[in-house]
Amino acid sequence: MKTKNIIYLLATLVGVLLMVIVYQSLSQPGINDLEGEYTEIAVYRNENNTGPVVRIFAVYTKDELWDDMRAYGDFMPHTKYGNTKVFFFEKAIEGLQLSPQAPYFPERFNEACLAVYEKSAMGGTSFKEYPFQGNK
């Protein structure tokens, strides 16, 4: 009888532990939890899977919520020794083509670019107002 109770107790503890693990896994914060509205308008990813992976995103946002923009960049995929850049635009530019080399998008869209987030090859991040912001 005593052994049966210990088995039930252990089974209950394992069940509770599994429920906690599943809950924690499914309730992680994500892009949908950010205050601002973000829409990907263009994406570039090189086809190199064995070396540095370059990812470039163009994202439309209505609001200038700088902390949320940084958090959005943190949520974007990144590969060790790769590079991820996220450009935030105040206009939803249709047909935007991104390039793997600077300036990454046609210069005529510089006025609409608010900020750029970058995660470098070693995992360091930077977030800054786009250099052409002062030309508005």
N, C-alpha and C. Protein backbone atom coordinates (compact mmCIF):
# COMPACT_ATOMS: atom_id res chain seq x y z
N MET A 1 0.83 -1.20 0.00
CA MET A 1 0.00 0.00 0.00
C MET A 1 0.87 1.26 0.00
N LYS A 2 1.95 1.25 0.75
CA LYS A 2 2.84 2.39 0.86
C LYS A 2 3.53 2.66 -0.48
N THR A 3 3.94 1.61 -1.17
CA THR A 3 4.61 1.73 -2.47
C THR A 3 3.66 2.34 -3.50
N LYS A 4 2.39 1.94 -3.44
CA LYS A 4 1.39 2.47 -4.37
C LYS A 4 1.23 3.98 -4.18
N ASN A 5 1.20 4.44 -2.96
CA ASN A 5 1.06 5.87 -2.67
C ASN A 5 2.27 6.66 -3.19
N ILE A 6 3.46 6.09 -3.02
CA ILE A 6 4.67 6.76 -3.51
C ILE A 6 4.63 6.86 -5.04
N ILE A 7 4.18 5.81 -5.69
CA ILE A 7 4.07 5.82 -7.15
C ILE A 7 3.06 6.87 -7.60
N TYR A 8 1.91 6.96 -6.94
CA TYR A 8 0.90 7.97 -7.28
C TYR A 8 1.45 9.38 -7.04
N LEU A 9 2.16 9.57 -5.96
CA LEU A 9 2.75 10.88 -5.66
C LEU A 9 3.77 11.27 -6.74
N LEU A 10 4.64 10.35 -7.10
CA LEU A 10 5.63 10.63 -8.15
C LEU A 10 4.96 10.90 -9.50
N ALA A 11 3.95 10.13 -9.82
CA ALA A 11 3.23 10.33 -11.09
C ALA A 11 2.56 11.70 -11.10
N THR A 12 1.99 12.11 -9.96
CA THR A 12 1.36 13.42 -9.86
C THR A 12 2.39 14.53 -10.02
N LEU A 13 3.53 14.39 -9.37
CA LEU A 13 4.60 15.39 -9.49
C LEU A 13 5.12 15.49 -10.93
N VAL A 14 5.30 14.36 -11.57
CA VAL A 14 5.76 14.36 -12.96
C VAL A 14 4.71 15.02 -13.85
N GLY A 15 3.44 14.73 -13.62
CA GLY A 15 2.36 15.34 -14.40
C GLY A 15 2.32 16.84 -14.23
N VAL A 16 2.45 17.31 -12.98
CA VAL A 16 2.45 18.76 -12.72
C VAL A 16 3.66 19.41 -13.39
N LEU A 17 4.81 18.77 -13.28
CA LEU A 17 6.02 19.29 -13.90
C LEU A 17 5.87 19.39 -15.42
N LEU A 18 5.30 18.38 -16.04
CA LEU A 18 5.06 18.42 -17.49
C LEU A 18 4.10 19.54 -17.86
N MET A 19 3.05 19.73 -17.06
CA MET A 19 2.10 20.82 -17.35
C MET A 19 2.79 22.17 -17.25
N VAL A 20 3.64 22.37 -16.26
CA VAL A 20 4.37 23.63 -16.10
C VAL A 20 5.29 23.85 -17.30
N ILE A 21 6.00 22.81 -17.73
CA ILE A 21 6.91 22.92 -18.88
C ILE A 21 6.14 23.29 -20.14
N VAL A 22 5.03 22.64 -20.40
CA VAL A 22 4.22 22.93 -21.59
C VAL A 22 3.68 24.35 -21.53
N TYR A 23 3.19 24.76 -20.37
CA TYR A 23 2.65 26.12 -20.22
C TYR A 23 3.75 27.16 -20.48
N GLN A 24 4.91 26.97 -19.88
CA GLN A 24 6.02 27.91 -20.07
C GLN A 24 6.46 27.96 -21.53
N SER A 25 6.46 26.82 -22.19
CA SER A 25 6.88 26.77 -23.60
C SER A 25 5.90 27.50 -24.51
N LEU A 26 4.62 27.40 -24.22
CA LEU A 26 3.60 27.99 -25.08
C LEU A 26 3.29 29.45 -24.75
N SER A 27 3.75 29.94 -23.61
CA SER A 27 3.40 31.30 -23.22
C SER A 27 4.58 32.27 -23.31
N GLN A 28 5.56 31.96 -24.16
CA GLN A 28 6.70 32.86 -24.34
C GLN A 28 6.26 34.10 -25.10
N PRO A 29 6.84 35.27 -24.78
CA PRO A 29 6.48 36.48 -25.51
C PRO A 29 6.93 36.39 -26.97
N GLY A 30 6.24 37.11 -27.82
CA GLY A 30 6.56 37.10 -29.25
C GLY A 30 6.21 38.42 -29.89
N ILE A 31 6.33 38.48 -31.19
CA ILE A 31 6.07 39.70 -31.95
C ILE A 31 4.64 40.20 -31.73
N ASN A 32 3.70 39.29 -31.60
CA ASN A 32 2.30 39.69 -31.41
C ASN A 32 2.05 40.38 -30.08
N ASP A 33 2.98 40.26 -29.14
CA ASP A 33 2.82 40.89 -27.83
C ASP A 33 3.31 42.34 -27.82
N LEU A 34 3.93 42.80 -28.89
CA LEU A 34 4.42 44.18 -28.95
C LEU A 34 3.26 45.14 -29.14
N GLU A 35 3.43 46.37 -28.66
CA GLU A 35 2.36 47.37 -28.73
C GLU A 35 2.11 47.86 -30.16
N GLY A 36 3.16 48.07 -30.91
CA GLY A 36 3.03 48.62 -32.25
C GLY A 36 2.53 47.60 -33.26
N GLU A 37 2.23 48.11 -34.44
CA GLU A 37 1.78 47.26 -35.54
C GLU A 37 2.95 47.12 -36.50
N TYR A 38 3.36 45.88 -36.80
CA TYR A 38 4.51 45.63 -37.65
C TYR A 38 4.12 44.68 -38.79
N THR A 39 4.51 45.06 -40.01
CA THR A 39 4.20 44.25 -41.18
C THR A 39 5.45 44.12 -42.03
N GLU A 40 5.88 42.89 -42.29
CA GLU A 40 7.03 42.68 -43.17
C GLU A 40 6.62 43.03 -44.59
N ILE A 41 7.43 43.89 -45.23
CA ILE A 41 7.12 44.27 -46.60
C ILE A 41 8.12 43.68 -47.59
N ALA A 42 9.30 43.27 -47.12
CA ALA A 42 10.28 42.61 -47.98
C ALA A 42 11.26 41.84 -47.12
N VAL A 43 11.76 40.73 -47.67
CA VAL A 43 12.73 39.90 -46.96
C VAL A 43 13.78 39.44 -47.96
N TYR A 44 15.04 39.45 -47.52
CA TYR A 44 16.12 38.88 -48.31
C TYR A 44 16.88 37.90 -47.42
N ARG A 45 17.21 36.75 -47.97
CA ARG A 45 18.07 35.78 -47.29
C ARG A 45 18.93 35.13 -48.35
N ASN A 46 20.25 35.15 -48.11
CA ASN A 46 21.12 34.49 -49.09
C ASN A 46 20.93 32.99 -48.99
N GLU A 47 21.38 32.28 -50.02
CA GLU A 47 21.15 30.84 -50.07
C GLU A 47 22.29 30.05 -49.45
N ASN A 48 23.19 30.71 -48.76
CA ASN A 48 24.34 30.04 -48.17
C ASN A 48 23.94 29.41 -46.85
N ASN A 49 23.96 28.09 -46.78
CA ASN A 49 23.61 27.41 -45.54
C ASN A 49 24.83 26.90 -44.79
N THR A 50 26.00 26.97 -45.41
CA THR A 50 27.19 26.45 -44.76
C THR A 50 28.07 27.57 -44.22
N GLY A 51 27.90 28.77 -44.68
CA GLY A 51 28.70 29.90 -44.22
C GLY A 51 27.80 30.92 -43.56
N PRO A 52 28.24 32.18 -43.56
CA PRO A 52 27.42 33.22 -42.94
C PRO A 52 26.08 33.40 -43.66
N VAL A 53 25.02 33.37 -42.91
CA VAL A 53 23.68 33.59 -43.47
C VAL A 53 23.34 35.06 -43.29
N VAL A 54 22.98 35.72 -44.38
CA VAL A 54 22.62 37.13 -44.35
C VAL A 54 21.11 37.23 -44.47
N ARG A 55 20.50 37.89 -43.48
CA ARG A 55 19.05 38.13 -43.52
C ARG A 55 18.81 39.63 -43.44
N ILE A 56 17.96 40.12 -44.32
CA ILE A 56 17.60 41.53 -44.33
C ILE A 56 16.09 41.61 -44.40
N PHE A 57 15.51 42.40 -43.50
CA PHE A 57 14.06 42.55 -43.43
C PHE A 57 13.71 44.02 -43.59
N ALA A 58 12.64 44.30 -44.30
CA ALA A 58 12.04 45.63 -44.36
C ALA A 58 10.68 45.51 -43.70
N VAL A 59 10.43 46.35 -42.71
CA VAL A 59 9.22 46.24 -41.89
C VAL A 59 8.52 47.59 -41.83
N TYR A 60 7.23 47.58 -42.07
CA TYR A 60 6.41 48.79 -41.95
C TYR A 60 5.88 48.88 -40.52
N THR A 61 5.96 50.09 -39.96
CA THR A 61 5.37 50.34 -38.65
C THR A 61 4.69 51.70 -38.64
N LYS A 62 3.52 51.77 -38.04
CA LYS A 62 2.80 53.04 -37.95
C LYS A 62 3.35 53.91 -36.83
N ASP A 63 3.86 53.27 -35.80
CA ASP A 63 4.26 54.00 -34.60
C ASP A 63 5.77 54.02 -34.44
N GLU A 64 6.28 55.08 -33.85
CA GLU A 64 7.70 55.18 -33.57
C GLU A 64 7.96 54.76 -32.12
N LEU A 65 7.71 53.49 -31.85
CA LEU A 65 7.95 52.92 -30.52
C LEU A 65 9.34 52.27 -30.55
N TRP A 66 10.35 53.04 -30.18
CA TRP A 66 11.73 52.61 -30.36
C TRP A 66 12.04 51.33 -29.59
N ASP A 67 11.56 51.20 -28.37
CA ASP A 67 11.83 49.99 -27.59
C ASP A 67 11.18 48.76 -28.22
N ASP A 68 9.98 48.95 -28.76
CA ASP A 68 9.30 47.84 -29.44
C ASP A 68 10.01 47.46 -30.73
N MET A 69 10.54 48.46 -31.43
CA MET A 69 11.29 48.16 -32.66
C MET A 69 12.53 47.32 -32.32
N ARG A 70 13.20 47.69 -31.25
CA ARG A 70 14.38 46.92 -30.82
C ARG A 70 13.95 45.49 -30.45
N ALA A 71 12.85 45.37 -29.73
CA ALA A 71 12.36 44.05 -29.34
C ALA A 71 11.97 43.24 -30.58
N TYR A 72 11.37 43.89 -31.58
CA TYR A 72 11.02 43.21 -32.83
C TYR A 72 12.28 42.64 -33.45
N GLY A 73 13.34 43.44 -33.51
CA GLY A 73 14.60 42.97 -34.06
C GLY A 73 15.15 41.78 -33.29
N ASP A 74 15.01 41.82 -31.97
CA ASP A 74 15.49 40.70 -31.15
C ASP A 74 14.74 39.41 -31.46
N PHE A 75 13.48 39.51 -31.85
CA PHE A 75 12.67 38.33 -32.17
C PHE A 75 13.00 37.74 -33.54
N MET A 76 13.67 38.48 -34.40
CA MET A 76 13.94 38.00 -35.75
C MET A 76 14.97 36.87 -35.73
N PRO A 77 14.89 35.95 -36.71
CA PRO A 77 15.82 34.83 -36.73
C PRO A 77 17.26 35.29 -36.94
N HIS A 78 18.17 34.56 -36.36
CA HIS A 78 19.59 34.86 -36.48
C HIS A 78 20.37 33.56 -36.45
N THR A 79 21.41 33.49 -37.26
CA THR A 79 22.25 32.31 -37.32
C THR A 79 23.63 32.67 -36.80
N LYS A 80 24.21 31.80 -36.02
CA LYS A 80 25.55 32.04 -35.50
C LYS A 80 26.49 32.34 -36.67
N TYR A 81 27.27 33.36 -36.55
CA TYR A 81 28.20 33.86 -37.57
C TYR A 81 27.49 34.47 -38.77
N GLY A 82 26.17 34.63 -38.69
CA GLY A 82 25.41 35.29 -39.74
C GLY A 82 25.15 36.74 -39.35
N ASN A 83 24.38 37.43 -40.17
CA ASN A 83 24.06 38.82 -39.91
C ASN A 83 22.59 39.04 -40.22
N THR A 84 21.91 39.73 -39.32
CA THR A 84 20.50 40.06 -39.51
C THR A 84 20.33 41.56 -39.40
N LYS A 85 19.68 42.16 -40.39
CA LYS A 85 19.36 43.59 -40.36
C LYS A 85 17.86 43.75 -40.56
N VAL A 86 17.28 44.67 -39.77
CA VAL A 86 15.86 44.98 -39.91
C VAL A 86 15.74 46.49 -40.11
N PHE A 87 15.17 46.89 -41.24
CA PHE A 87 14.92 48.31 -41.53
C PHE A 87 13.45 48.58 -41.28
N PHE A 88 13.18 49.62 -40.50
CA PHE A 88 11.80 49.99 -40.17
C PHE A 88 11.40 51.20 -41.01
N PHE A 89 10.26 51.07 -41.70
CA PHE A 89 9.76 52.12 -42.58
C PHE A 89 8.44 52.67 -42.07
N GLU A 90 8.23 53.97 -42.30
CA GLU A 90 6.97 54.59 -41.90
C GLU A 90 5.91 54.50 -42.99
N LYS A 91 6.29 53.98 -44.15
CA LYS A 91 5.36 53.79 -45.26
C LYS A 91 5.41 52.33 -45.69
N ALA A 92 4.26 51.78 -46.06
CA ALA A 92 4.21 50.41 -46.56
C ALA A 92 4.57 50.44 -48.05
N ILE A 93 5.82 50.25 -48.36
CA ILE A 93 6.32 50.36 -49.72
C ILE A 93 6.09 49.04 -50.44
N GLU A 94 5.30 49.09 -51.50
CA GLU A 94 5.01 47.87 -52.25
C GLU A 94 6.11 47.61 -53.26
N GLY A 95 6.44 46.35 -53.44
CA GLY A 95 7.43 45.96 -54.44
C GLY A 95 8.86 46.31 -54.06
N LEU A 96 9.14 46.54 -52.81
CA LEU A 96 10.49 46.88 -52.37
C LEU A 96 11.41 45.68 -52.57
N GLN A 97 12.54 45.90 -53.23
CA GLN A 97 13.53 44.85 -53.46
C GLN A 97 14.74 45.11 -52.57
N LEU A 98 15.14 44.11 -51.81
CA LEU A 98 16.29 44.23 -50.92
C LEU A 98 17.51 43.58 -51.55
N SER A 99 18.67 44.11 -51.20
CA SER A 99 19.94 43.64 -51.74
C SER A 99 20.85 43.22 -50.59
N PRO A 100 21.76 42.27 -50.81
CA PRO A 100 22.65 41.84 -49.73
C PRO A 100 23.76 42.84 -49.41
N GLN A 101 24.01 43.79 -50.30
CA GLN A 101 25.04 44.80 -50.05
C GLN A 101 24.40 46.17 -49.82
N ALA A 102 25.15 47.01 -49.09
CA ALA A 102 24.69 48.39 -48.87
C ALA A 102 24.52 49.06 -50.22
N PRO A 103 23.51 49.84 -50.40
CA PRO A 103 22.58 50.42 -49.44
C PRO A 103 21.36 49.57 -49.14
N TYR A 104 21.30 48.33 -49.54
CA TYR A 104 20.27 47.33 -49.21
C TYR A 104 18.92 47.57 -49.86
N PHE A 105 18.56 48.80 -50.14
CA PHE A 105 17.30 49.11 -50.82
C PHE A 105 17.53 50.40 -51.61
N PRO A 106 16.68 50.69 -52.61
CA PRO A 106 16.87 51.91 -53.42
C PRO A 106 16.89 53.17 -52.56
N GLU A 107 17.80 54.07 -52.87
CA GLU A 107 17.99 55.28 -52.07
C GLU A 107 16.77 56.18 -52.04
N ARG A 108 15.88 56.05 -53.00
CA ARG A 108 14.69 56.91 -53.00
C ARG A 108 13.78 56.63 -51.80
N PHE A 109 14.00 55.51 -51.11
CA PHE A 109 13.20 55.17 -49.93
C PHE A 109 13.87 55.58 -48.62
N ASN A 110 15.00 56.25 -48.69
CA ASN A 110 15.70 56.67 -47.48
C ASN A 110 14.85 57.54 -46.57
N GLU A 111 14.06 58.42 -47.14
CA GLU A 111 13.22 59.32 -46.34
C GLU A 111 12.20 58.56 -45.50
N ALA A 112 11.75 57.42 -46.00
CA ALA A 112 10.72 56.66 -45.29
C ALA A 112 11.31 55.73 -44.22
N CYS A 113 12.62 55.56 -44.21
CA CYS A 113 13.26 54.65 -43.26
C CYS A 113 13.44 55.34 -41.91
N LEU A 114 12.90 54.73 -40.86
CA LEU A 114 12.96 55.29 -39.51
C LEU A 114 14.20 54.84 -38.75
N ALA A 115 14.49 53.55 -38.79
CA ALA A 115 15.56 53.01 -37.96
C ALA A 115 16.07 51.70 -38.55
N VAL A 116 17.23 51.28 -38.05
CA VAL A 116 17.80 50.00 -38.46
C VAL A 116 18.27 49.26 -37.22
N TYR A 117 17.95 47.98 -37.18
CA TYR A 117 18.39 47.09 -36.12
C TYR A 117 19.35 46.10 -36.77
N GLU A 118 20.44 45.79 -36.08
CA GLU A 118 21.39 44.81 -36.63
C GLU A 118 21.87 43.88 -35.53
N LYS A 119 21.89 42.59 -35.87
CA LYS A 119 22.51 41.59 -35.00
C LYS A 119 23.69 41.05 -35.79
N SER A 120 24.89 41.25 -35.24
CA SER A 120 26.11 40.90 -35.95
C SER A 120 26.44 39.41 -35.85
N ALA A 121 27.52 39.04 -36.51
CA ALA A 121 27.94 37.64 -36.56
C ALA A 121 28.21 37.05 -35.19
N MET A 122 28.69 37.86 -34.26
CA MET A 122 29.00 37.35 -32.93
C MET A 122 27.85 37.57 -31.94
N GLY A 123 26.70 38.00 -32.43
CA GLY A 123 25.52 38.15 -31.58
C GLY A 123 25.34 39.53 -30.97
N GLY A 124 26.25 40.45 -31.24
CA GLY A 124 26.08 41.82 -30.74
C GLY A 124 24.97 42.53 -31.49
N THR A 125 24.22 43.36 -30.79
CA THR A 125 23.11 44.06 -31.43
C THR A 125 23.35 45.56 -31.42
N SER A 126 22.78 46.22 -32.42
CA SER A 126 22.77 47.69 -32.44
C SER A 126 21.42 48.14 -32.98
N PHE A 127 20.98 49.27 -32.50
CA PHE A 127 19.72 49.84 -32.95
C PHE A 127 19.92 51.34 -33.02
N LYS A 128 19.67 51.90 -34.18
CA LYS A 128 19.85 53.35 -34.32
C LYS A 128 18.88 53.92 -35.33
N GLU A 129 18.64 55.19 -35.14
CA GLU A 129 17.83 55.92 -36.10
C GLU A 129 18.57 55.89 -37.43
N TYR A 130 17.84 55.71 -38.50
CA TYR A 130 18.49 55.57 -39.79
C TYR A 130 19.23 56.87 -40.12
N PRO A 131 20.44 56.78 -40.68
CA PRO A 131 21.28 57.97 -40.93
C PRO A 131 20.61 59.06 -41.76
N PHE A 132 19.68 58.70 -42.61
CA PHE A 132 19.08 59.70 -43.48
C PHE A 132 17.85 60.35 -42.85
N GLN A 133 17.57 60.04 -41.60
CA GLN A 133 16.38 60.55 -40.90
C GLN A 133 16.34 62.06 -40.89
N GLY A 134 17.47 62.72 -40.77
CA GLY A 134 17.49 64.18 -40.66
C GLY A 134 17.15 64.89 -41.95
N ASN A 135 17.05 64.19 -43.05
CA ASN A 135 16.77 64.82 -44.35
C ASN A 135 15.28 64.98 -44.63
N LYS A 136 14.43 64.68 -43.69
CA LYS A 136 12.98 64.79 -43.94
C LYS A 136 12.56 66.22 -44.05
